[in-house]
Amino acid sequence: MGKFRVWLRSSGTDCKVRVEGIQNAPLLRERLRAKGISSSEPIQLAGGKQCIFHASYPAHVTEEGMQVYVSQIPEVELMLDPA
């Protein structure tokens, strides 16, 4: 599997996640779940090339911690632009 782009926009203990390619969302959600981070079902955006979902992370995970974890997933290219 090649790299795909991910954008995060945090808000307290949850964040909006935008994923390039709806087919990439299950992999990302599985990796997040392995770290105790729950997420909603992805919603495909107009044009069908991206999707969004919400992820809720435990209180001990900071916004920076979430960014670091997502950026360490080999298939992910974490983008600086907001979700």
C-alpha atoms as a PDB file:
ATOM      1  CA  MET A   1       0.000   0.000   0.000  1.00  0.00           C
ATOM      2  CA  GLY A   2       1.301   3.435  -0.899  1.00  0.00           C
ATOM      3  CA  LYS A   3       1.283   6.557   1.229  1.00  0.00           C
ATOM      4  CA  PHE A   4      -1.881   8.571   1.713  1.00  0.00           C
ATOM      5  CA  ARG A   5      -2.437  12.008   3.205  1.00  0.00           C
ATOM      6  CA  VAL A   6      -4.175  12.647   6.511  1.00  0.00           C
ATOM      7  CA  TRP A   7      -5.243  15.939   8.080  1.00  0.00           C
ATOM      8  CA  LEU A   8      -6.137  16.374  11.769  1.00  0.00           C
ATOM      9  CA  ARG A   9      -8.117  19.134  13.468  1.00  0.00           C
ATOM     10  CA  SER A  10      -8.156  18.662  17.221  1.00  0.00           C
ATOM     11  CA  SER A  11     -10.797  19.902  19.614  1.00  0.00           C
ATOM     12  CA  GLY A  12     -10.243  18.853  23.212  1.00  0.00           C
ATOM     13  CA  THR A  13     -10.236  15.067  23.459  1.00  0.00           C
ATOM     14  CA  ASP A  14     -11.434  14.448  19.932  1.00  0.00           C
ATOM     15  CA  CYS A  15     -10.445  15.457  16.458  1.00  0.00           C
ATOM     16  CA  LYS A  16     -11.756  15.539  12.947  1.00  0.00           C
ATOM     17  CA  VAL A  17      -9.720  13.319  10.642  1.00  0.00           C
ATOM     18  CA  ARG A  18      -9.710  13.843   6.884  1.00  0.00           C
ATOM     19  CA  VAL A  19      -8.285  10.976   4.838  1.00  0.00           C
ATOM     20  CA  GLU A  20      -7.231  10.909   1.211  1.00  0.00           C
ATOM     21  CA  GLY A  21      -8.985   7.961  -0.407  1.00  0.00           C
ATOM     22  CA  ILE A  22     -11.984   6.432   1.331  1.00  0.00           C
ATOM     23  CA  GLN A  23     -10.336   3.011   0.915  1.00  0.00           C
ATOM     24  CA  ASN A  24      -7.591   4.161   3.332  1.00  0.00           C
ATOM     25  CA  ALA A  25      -9.962   4.991   6.204  1.00  0.00           C
ATOM     26  CA  PRO A  26     -10.342   1.380   7.480  1.00  0.00           C
ATOM     27  CA  LEU A  27      -6.569   0.976   7.865  1.00  0.00           C
ATOM     28  CA  LEU A  28      -6.245   4.242   9.745  1.00  0.00           C
ATOM     29  CA  ARG A  29      -9.246   3.498  11.966  1.00  0.00           C
ATOM     30  CA  GLU A  30      -7.819   0.033  12.762  1.00  0.00           C
ATOM     31  CA  ARG A  31      -4.459   1.531  13.763  1.00  0.00           C
ATOM     32  CA  LEU A  32      -6.188   4.137  15.943  1.00  0.00           C
ATOM     33  CA  ARG A  33      -8.350   1.480  17.590  1.00  0.00           C
ATOM     34  CA  ALA A  34      -5.188  -0.466  18.481  1.00  0.00           C
ATOM     35  CA  LYS A  35      -4.111   2.569  20.528  1.00  0.00           C
ATOM     36  CA  GLY A  36      -7.461   2.875  22.307  1.00  0.00           C
ATOM     37  CA  ILE A  37      -8.742   5.656  20.078  1.00  0.00           C
ATOM     38  CA  SER A  38     -12.351   5.234  19.008  1.00  0.00           C
ATOM     39  CA  SER A  39     -13.755   6.693  15.803  1.00  0.00           C
ATOM     40  CA  SER A  40     -16.991   7.237  13.951  1.00  0.00           C
ATOM     41  CA  GLU A  41     -17.844   5.705  10.591  1.00  0.00           C
ATOM     42  CA  PRO A  42     -16.212   7.622   7.711  1.00  0.00           C
ATOM     43  CA  ILE A  43     -18.296   9.963   5.603  1.00  0.00           C
ATOM     44  CA  GLN A  44     -17.322  10.338   1.971  1.00  0.00           C
ATOM     45  CA  LEU A  45     -16.855  13.950   0.876  1.00  0.00           C
ATOM     46  CA  ALA A  46     -18.176  15.355  -2.381  1.00  0.00           C
ATOM     47  CA  GLY A  47     -16.056  14.145  -5.259  1.00  0.00           C
ATOM     48  CA  GLY A  48     -15.364  10.838  -3.498  1.00  0.00           C
ATOM     49  CA  LYS A  49     -11.593  11.295  -3.170  1.00  0.00           C
ATOM     50  CA  GLN A  50     -11.578  12.003   0.567  1.00  0.00           C
ATOM     51  CA  CYS A  51     -13.544  11.129   3.657  1.00  0.00           C
ATOM     52  CA  ILE A  52     -13.809  12.411   7.200  1.00  0.00           C
ATOM     53  CA  PHE A  53     -14.463  10.826  10.567  1.00  0.00           C
ATOM     54  CA  HIS A  54     -14.194  11.838  14.198  1.00  0.00           C
ATOM     55  CA  ALA A  55     -11.717  10.202  16.555  1.00  0.00           C
ATOM     56  CA  SER A  56     -11.983  10.376  20.353  1.00  0.00           C
ATOM     57  CA  TYR A  57      -8.805   9.768  22.267  1.00  0.00           C
ATOM     58  CA  PRO A  58      -8.274   9.043  25.975  1.00  0.00           C
ATOM     59  CA  ALA A  59      -7.553  11.925  28.346  1.00  0.00           C
ATOM     60  CA  HIS A  60      -3.907  10.877  28.709  1.00  0.00           C
ATOM     61  CA  VAL A  61      -3.345  11.416  24.963  1.00  0.00           C
ATOM     62  CA  THR A  62      -2.592  15.026  24.072  1.00  0.00           C
ATOM     63  CA  GLU A  63      -3.217  16.743  20.752  1.00  0.00           C
ATOM     64  CA  GLU A  64       0.525  16.582  20.088  1.00  0.00           C
ATOM     65  CA  GLY A  65       0.587  12.911  21.058  1.00  0.00           C
ATOM     66  CA  MET A  66      -2.171  12.169  18.561  1.00  0.00           C
ATOM     67  CA  GLN A  67      -0.234  13.982  15.824  1.00  0.00           C
ATOM     68  CA  VAL A  68       2.953  12.092  16.653  1.00  0.00           C
ATOM     69  CA  TYR A  69       1.178   8.736  16.683  1.00  0.00           C
ATOM     70  CA  VAL A  70      -0.586   9.328  13.349  1.00  0.00           C
ATOM     71  CA  SER A  71       2.618  10.628  11.736  1.00  0.00           C
ATOM     72  CA  GLN A  72       4.439   7.425  12.770  1.00  0.00           C
ATOM     73  CA  ILE A  73       2.052   5.189  10.821  1.00  0.00           C
ATOM     74  CA  PRO A  74       4.215   4.187   7.821  1.00  0.00           C
ATOM     75  CA  GLU A  75       1.464   4.632   5.208  1.00  0.00           C
ATOM     76  CA  VAL A  76       0.450   8.096   6.462  1.00  0.00           C
ATOM     77  CA  GLU A  77       1.728  11.453   5.294  1.00  0.00           C
ATOM     78  CA  LEU A  78       0.464  13.875   7.954  1.00  0.00           C
ATOM     79  CA  MET A  79      -0.382  17.232   6.420  1.00  0.00           C
ATOM     80  CA  LEU A  80      -0.083  20.566   8.205  1.00  0.00           C
ATOM     81  CA  ASP A  81      -3.257  22.054   6.764  1.00  0.00           C
ATOM     82  CA  PRO A  82      -6.320  21.812   9.026  1.00  0.00           C
ATOM     83  CA  ALA A  83      -8.939  19.129   8.380  1.00  0.00           C
END
